[in-house]
Amino acid sequence: PLKRVNVGMMLGKASKIAQGQVQTHSKQRPPNNISFLMRLAEKAGYPPQKIQEIRSLHLNRQLKSIFPFQQHEPFYLAFLKSIYSVCRPLIHKTLPLRLFLLADDKKPLIFP
C-alpha cells in the first residue's frame, strides 16, 4: 500500500495546477495566467514594480528571472500553497502529500 504521495512538476504545469486546471496536457494556458501570477506576487508582499515584471513573461519558466528559485522565496511559497490546496483533496486524506517544484538544473523546492 501507498505510504505517501510525492508529486514533482515543472513551473509550466505547476502554474496550471495552481489555478485548478488538473488536466495539464493542454497547450493552452488558463485564461488569467498572468493575472493569477500577479495576484500571487501581491499576496506574497512584493512591491508593485516587481509585480508588474510578470506582465513581460512569455513562459512560466521565466519566473526564475524575476524571483530567485529558492526554498524560502515568498512567491514560490505562495505558489506551492496554491498547488497544494488543489492537489490535497485529490489524494486520500490519510496519505501525506509532498510537492517538488522543479526548474532546470536547480535544486527542487519542496512543500511542505
N, C-alpha and C. Protein backbone atom coordinates (compact mmCIF):
# COMPACT_ATOMS: atom_id res chain seq x y z
N PRO A 1 0.82 -1.20 0.00
CA PRO A 1 0.00 0.00 0.00
C PRO A 1 0.86 1.26 0.00
N LEU A 2 0.29 2.33 -0.52
CA LEU A 2 0.98 3.61 -0.53
C LEU A 2 1.14 4.15 0.89
N LYS A 3 2.29 4.77 1.12
CA LYS A 3 2.54 5.39 2.42
C LYS A 3 2.58 6.90 2.32
N ARG A 4 2.85 7.41 1.11
CA ARG A 4 2.88 8.86 0.88
C ARG A 4 2.79 9.09 -0.62
N VAL A 5 2.47 10.33 -0.97
CA VAL A 5 2.41 10.72 -2.38
C VAL A 5 3.36 11.89 -2.58
N ASN A 6 4.31 11.72 -3.48
CA ASN A 6 5.23 12.78 -3.88
C ASN A 6 4.89 13.17 -5.31
N VAL A 7 4.74 14.46 -5.55
CA VAL A 7 4.40 14.95 -6.88
C VAL A 7 5.46 15.97 -7.30
N GLY A 8 6.12 15.68 -8.42
CA GLY A 8 7.10 16.61 -8.97
C GLY A 8 6.55 17.26 -10.22
N MET A 9 6.82 18.55 -10.40
CA MET A 9 6.30 19.26 -11.57
C MET A 9 7.19 20.45 -11.90
N MET A 10 7.23 20.76 -13.20
CA MET A 10 7.94 21.94 -13.68
C MET A 10 7.01 23.15 -13.54
N LEU A 11 7.57 24.34 -13.68
CA LEU A 11 6.81 25.58 -13.45
C LEU A 11 5.57 25.71 -14.35
N GLY A 12 5.65 25.33 -15.62
CA GLY A 12 4.52 25.49 -16.52
C GLY A 12 3.32 24.67 -16.10
N LYS A 13 3.53 23.38 -15.85
CA LYS A 13 2.44 22.51 -15.41
C LYS A 13 1.96 22.94 -14.02
N ALA A 14 2.91 23.32 -13.18
CA ALA A 14 2.56 23.73 -11.83
C ALA A 14 1.64 24.95 -11.84
N SER A 15 1.87 25.86 -12.76
CA SER A 15 1.03 27.05 -12.85
C SER A 15 -0.41 26.68 -13.20
N LYS A 16 -0.57 25.73 -14.11
CA LYS A 16 -1.92 25.27 -14.46
C LYS A 16 -2.61 24.65 -13.25
N ILE A 17 -1.88 23.79 -12.54
CA ILE A 17 -2.46 23.12 -11.37
C ILE A 17 -2.80 24.13 -10.28
N ALA A 18 -1.92 25.10 -10.06
CA ALA A 18 -2.16 26.11 -9.03
C ALA A 18 -3.47 26.85 -9.27
N GLN A 19 -3.88 26.92 -10.53
CA GLN A 19 -5.12 27.61 -10.89
C GLN A 19 -6.30 26.66 -10.98
N GLY A 20 -6.10 25.41 -10.56
CA GLY A 20 -7.19 24.46 -10.54
C GLY A 20 -7.36 23.65 -11.80
N GLN A 21 -6.48 23.80 -12.77
CA GLN A 21 -6.56 23.06 -14.03
C GLN A 21 -5.71 21.80 -13.90
N VAL A 22 -6.31 20.71 -13.45
CA VAL A 22 -5.54 19.49 -13.22
C VAL A 22 -5.28 18.71 -14.50
N GLN A 23 -5.98 19.02 -15.58
CA GLN A 23 -5.68 18.42 -16.88
C GLN A 23 -4.58 19.30 -17.49
N THR A 24 -3.34 18.85 -17.38
CA THR A 24 -2.21 19.70 -17.77
C THR A 24 -1.67 19.40 -19.16
N HIS A 25 -2.27 18.48 -19.89
CA HIS A 25 -1.73 18.12 -21.20
C HIS A 25 -2.11 19.11 -22.29
N SER A 26 -3.02 19.99 -22.00
CA SER A 26 -3.42 21.01 -22.97
C SER A 26 -2.30 22.04 -23.10
N LYS A 27 -2.06 22.53 -24.32
CA LYS A 27 -1.05 23.56 -24.52
C LYS A 27 -1.60 24.95 -24.23
N GLN A 28 -2.88 25.02 -23.91
CA GLN A 28 -3.48 26.30 -23.60
C GLN A 28 -3.20 26.68 -22.16
N ARG A 29 -2.89 27.93 -21.97
CA ARG A 29 -2.73 28.46 -20.62
C ARG A 29 -4.11 28.75 -20.06
N PRO A 30 -4.25 28.66 -18.74
CA PRO A 30 -5.50 29.16 -18.17
C PRO A 30 -5.67 30.62 -18.60
N PRO A 31 -6.90 31.06 -18.81
CA PRO A 31 -7.12 32.40 -19.39
C PRO A 31 -6.54 33.55 -18.58
N ASN A 32 -6.43 33.42 -17.29
CA ASN A 32 -5.95 34.53 -16.47
C ASN A 32 -4.59 34.22 -15.84
N ASN A 33 -3.73 33.52 -16.58
CA ASN A 33 -2.44 33.09 -16.03
C ASN A 33 -1.62 34.25 -15.48
N ILE A 34 -1.43 35.30 -16.26
CA ILE A 34 -0.61 36.43 -15.81
C ILE A 34 -1.26 37.12 -14.61
N SER A 35 -2.56 37.32 -14.66
CA SER A 35 -3.27 37.94 -13.53
C SER A 35 -3.13 37.09 -12.27
N PHE A 36 -3.24 35.79 -12.43
CA PHE A 36 -3.09 34.87 -11.30
C PHE A 36 -1.70 35.01 -10.68
N LEU A 37 -0.67 34.98 -11.52
CA LEU A 37 0.70 35.08 -11.02
C LEU A 37 0.94 36.44 -10.35
N MET A 38 0.35 37.49 -10.90
CA MET A 38 0.48 38.82 -10.30
C MET A 38 -0.21 38.87 -8.93
N ARG A 39 -1.37 38.23 -8.82
CA ARG A 39 -2.07 38.18 -7.52
C ARG A 39 -1.24 37.41 -6.49
N LEU A 40 -0.61 36.32 -6.93
CA LEU A 40 0.24 35.56 -6.00
C LEU A 40 1.39 36.43 -5.49
N ALA A 41 2.01 37.17 -6.41
CA ALA A 41 3.13 38.03 -6.02
C ALA A 41 2.66 39.13 -5.06
N GLU A 42 1.49 39.67 -5.33
CA GLU A 42 0.93 40.70 -4.44
C GLU A 42 0.64 40.11 -3.06
N LYS A 43 0.05 38.92 -3.05
CA LYS A 43 -0.26 38.22 -1.80
C LYS A 43 1.02 37.92 -1.00
N ALA A 44 2.11 37.66 -1.73
CA ALA A 44 3.38 37.35 -1.08
C ALA A 44 4.11 38.61 -0.60
N GLY A 45 3.55 39.80 -0.90
CA GLY A 45 4.09 41.03 -0.36
C GLY A 45 5.11 41.76 -1.22
N TYR A 46 5.16 41.46 -2.50
CA TYR A 46 6.11 42.14 -3.37
C TYR A 46 5.62 43.53 -3.74
N PRO A 47 6.55 44.47 -4.01
CA PRO A 47 6.15 45.82 -4.39
C PRO A 47 5.56 45.83 -5.81
N PRO A 48 4.73 46.83 -6.11
CA PRO A 48 4.08 46.92 -7.42
C PRO A 48 5.04 46.81 -8.61
N GLN A 49 6.21 47.41 -8.52
CA GLN A 49 7.17 47.36 -9.63
C GLN A 49 7.57 45.91 -9.94
N LYS A 50 7.82 45.13 -8.90
CA LYS A 50 8.21 43.72 -9.08
C LYS A 50 7.04 42.93 -9.66
N ILE A 51 5.84 43.21 -9.19
CA ILE A 51 4.64 42.52 -9.68
C ILE A 51 4.43 42.80 -11.16
N GLN A 52 4.68 44.03 -11.59
CA GLN A 52 4.50 44.41 -13.00
C GLN A 52 5.46 43.67 -13.93
N GLU A 53 6.60 43.23 -13.42
CA GLU A 53 7.56 42.49 -14.24
C GLU A 53 6.95 41.20 -14.79
N ILE A 54 5.98 40.66 -14.10
CA ILE A 54 5.34 39.40 -14.52
C ILE A 54 4.65 39.59 -15.87
N ARG A 55 4.17 40.78 -16.16
CA ARG A 55 3.47 41.05 -17.43
C ARG A 55 4.33 40.73 -18.66
N SER A 56 5.65 40.82 -18.50
CA SER A 56 6.55 40.60 -19.64
C SER A 56 6.84 39.12 -19.91
N LEU A 57 6.34 38.24 -19.09
CA LEU A 57 6.64 36.82 -19.25
C LEU A 57 5.94 36.21 -20.46
N HIS A 58 6.68 35.36 -21.16
CA HIS A 58 6.10 34.59 -22.26
C HIS A 58 5.92 33.13 -21.84
N LEU A 59 6.79 32.66 -20.95
CA LEU A 59 6.73 31.29 -20.44
C LEU A 59 6.85 31.32 -18.92
N ASN A 60 6.15 30.42 -18.27
CA ASN A 60 6.19 30.41 -16.80
C ASN A 60 7.58 30.13 -16.26
N ARG A 61 8.39 29.40 -17.01
CA ARG A 61 9.74 29.11 -16.51
C ARG A 61 10.58 30.38 -16.40
N GLN A 62 10.14 31.46 -17.02
CA GLN A 62 10.84 32.74 -16.91
C GLN A 62 10.62 33.40 -15.55
N LEU A 63 9.75 32.85 -14.73
CA LEU A 63 9.55 33.39 -13.39
C LEU A 63 10.87 33.45 -12.62
N LYS A 64 11.77 32.53 -12.91
CA LYS A 64 13.07 32.49 -12.23
C LYS A 64 13.88 33.75 -12.48
N SER A 65 13.58 34.46 -13.57
CA SER A 65 14.32 35.71 -13.84
C SER A 65 13.80 36.86 -12.97
N ILE A 66 12.65 36.68 -12.39
CA ILE A 66 12.06 37.71 -11.52
C ILE A 66 12.21 37.35 -10.05
N PHE A 67 11.96 36.08 -9.74
CA PHE A 67 12.02 35.61 -8.36
C PHE A 67 13.08 34.51 -8.26
N PRO A 68 14.09 34.69 -7.42
CA PRO A 68 15.13 33.65 -7.29
C PRO A 68 14.49 32.31 -6.90
N PHE A 69 14.89 31.26 -7.59
CA PHE A 69 14.32 29.93 -7.35
C PHE A 69 14.97 29.35 -6.10
N GLN A 70 14.42 29.74 -4.94
CA GLN A 70 14.96 29.34 -3.64
C GLN A 70 13.83 28.89 -2.74
N GLN A 71 14.16 27.98 -1.84
CA GLN A 71 13.16 27.34 -0.98
C GLN A 71 12.28 28.33 -0.22
N HIS A 72 12.85 29.40 0.30
CA HIS A 72 12.07 30.30 1.15
C HIS A 72 11.65 31.60 0.45
N GLU A 73 11.73 31.61 -0.86
CA GLU A 73 11.29 32.78 -1.62
C GLU A 73 9.77 32.90 -1.48
N PRO A 74 9.25 34.03 -0.97
CA PRO A 74 7.82 34.16 -0.70
C PRO A 74 6.91 33.86 -1.90
N PHE A 75 7.34 34.24 -3.12
CA PHE A 75 6.49 33.95 -4.28
C PHE A 75 6.28 32.44 -4.44
N TYR A 76 7.36 31.68 -4.36
CA TYR A 76 7.24 30.23 -4.56
C TYR A 76 6.50 29.55 -3.41
N LEU A 77 6.61 30.10 -2.22
CA LEU A 77 5.83 29.55 -1.10
C LEU A 77 4.34 29.72 -1.36
N ALA A 78 3.94 30.92 -1.82
CA ALA A 78 2.53 31.16 -2.15
C ALA A 78 2.10 30.26 -3.31
N PHE A 79 2.97 30.11 -4.30
CA PHE A 79 2.72 29.26 -5.47
C PHE A 79 2.49 27.81 -5.04
N LEU A 80 3.38 27.30 -4.21
CA LEU A 80 3.27 25.92 -3.74
C LEU A 80 2.04 25.71 -2.85
N LYS A 81 1.71 26.68 -2.04
CA LYS A 81 0.49 26.57 -1.21
C LYS A 81 -0.75 26.47 -2.09
N SER A 82 -0.77 27.22 -3.16
CA SER A 82 -1.90 27.17 -4.09
C SER A 82 -1.99 25.80 -4.76
N ILE A 83 -0.87 25.27 -5.19
CA ILE A 83 -0.84 23.93 -5.79
C ILE A 83 -1.32 22.89 -4.78
N TYR A 84 -0.82 23.00 -3.57
CA TYR A 84 -1.18 22.05 -2.52
C TYR A 84 -2.69 22.07 -2.27
N SER A 85 -3.27 23.26 -2.25
CA SER A 85 -4.71 23.35 -1.98
C SER A 85 -5.54 22.70 -3.08
N VAL A 86 -5.00 22.64 -4.30
CA VAL A 86 -5.69 21.96 -5.40
C VAL A 86 -5.47 20.45 -5.33
N CYS A 87 -4.25 20.03 -5.03
CA CYS A 87 -3.90 18.60 -5.04
C CYS A 87 -4.38 17.84 -3.81
N ARG A 88 -4.36 18.49 -2.67
CA ARG A 88 -4.67 17.78 -1.41
C ARG A 88 -6.03 17.07 -1.46
N PRO A 89 -7.11 17.67 -1.95
CA PRO A 89 -8.40 16.98 -1.98
C PRO A 89 -8.45 15.80 -2.97
N LEU A 90 -7.49 15.71 -3.87
CA LEU A 90 -7.47 14.63 -4.86
C LEU A 90 -6.84 13.35 -4.33
N ILE A 91 -6.22 13.44 -3.15
CA ILE A 91 -5.48 12.31 -2.58
C ILE A 91 -6.11 11.92 -1.26
N HIS A 92 -6.18 10.63 -1.02
CA HIS A 92 -6.80 10.14 0.22
C HIS A 92 -6.22 10.87 1.43
N LYS A 93 -7.09 11.27 2.33
CA LYS A 93 -6.69 12.12 3.47
C LYS A 93 -5.67 11.49 4.40
N THR A 94 -5.53 10.16 4.38
CA THR A 94 -4.57 9.51 5.27
C THR A 94 -3.16 9.50 4.69
N LEU A 95 -3.03 9.86 3.41
CA LEU A 95 -1.71 9.84 2.78
C LEU A 95 -1.06 11.22 2.83
N PRO A 96 0.16 11.30 3.33
CA PRO A 96 0.88 12.57 3.28
C PRO A 96 1.19 12.95 1.83
N LEU A 97 1.12 14.22 1.53
CA LEU A 97 1.42 14.74 0.21
C LEU A 97 2.61 15.68 0.29
N ARG A 98 3.57 15.48 -0.61
CA ARG A 98 4.72 16.38 -0.70
C ARG A 98 4.88 16.79 -2.15
N LEU A 99 5.09 18.10 -2.36
CA LEU A 99 5.27 18.64 -3.69
C LEU A 99 6.73 18.99 -3.93
N PHE A 100 7.18 18.75 -5.16
CA PHE A 100 8.52 19.09 -5.59
C PHE A 100 8.39 19.98 -6.82
N LEU A 101 8.76 21.25 -6.68
CA LEU A 101 8.71 22.18 -7.80
C LEU A 101 10.09 22.18 -8.45
N LEU A 102 10.12 21.85 -9.75
CA LEU A 102 11.38 21.66 -10.46
C LEU A 102 11.63 22.80 -11.46
N ALA A 103 12.91 23.14 -11.61
CA ALA A 103 13.29 24.16 -12.58
C ALA A 103 14.69 23.86 -13.10
N ASP A 104 14.74 23.35 -14.31
CA ASP A 104 16.00 23.07 -14.99
C ASP A 104 16.97 22.32 -14.08
N ASP A 105 18.15 22.88 -13.90
CA ASP A 105 19.18 22.19 -13.11
C ASP A 105 19.22 22.69 -11.66
N LYS A 106 18.20 23.41 -11.25
CA LYS A 106 18.14 23.94 -9.88
C LYS A 106 17.69 22.86 -8.90
N LYS A 107 18.02 23.06 -7.65
CA LYS A 107 17.55 22.16 -6.60
C LYS A 107 16.04 22.33 -6.46
N PRO A 108 15.27 21.23 -6.39
CA PRO A 108 13.80 21.36 -6.31
C PRO A 108 13.37 22.06 -5.02
N LEU A 109 12.27 22.79 -5.12
CA LEU A 109 11.63 23.39 -3.94
C LEU A 109 10.61 22.39 -3.44
N ILE A 110 10.60 22.18 -2.13
CA ILE A 110 9.75 21.13 -1.54
C ILE A 110 8.72 21.77 -0.62
N PHE A 111 7.49 21.26 -0.71
CA PHE A 111 6.40 21.73 0.16
C PHE A 111 5.50 20.56 0.52
N PRO A 112 5.01 20.45 1.71
CA PRO A 112 5.52 21.13 2.91
C PRO A 112 6.81 20.52 3.39
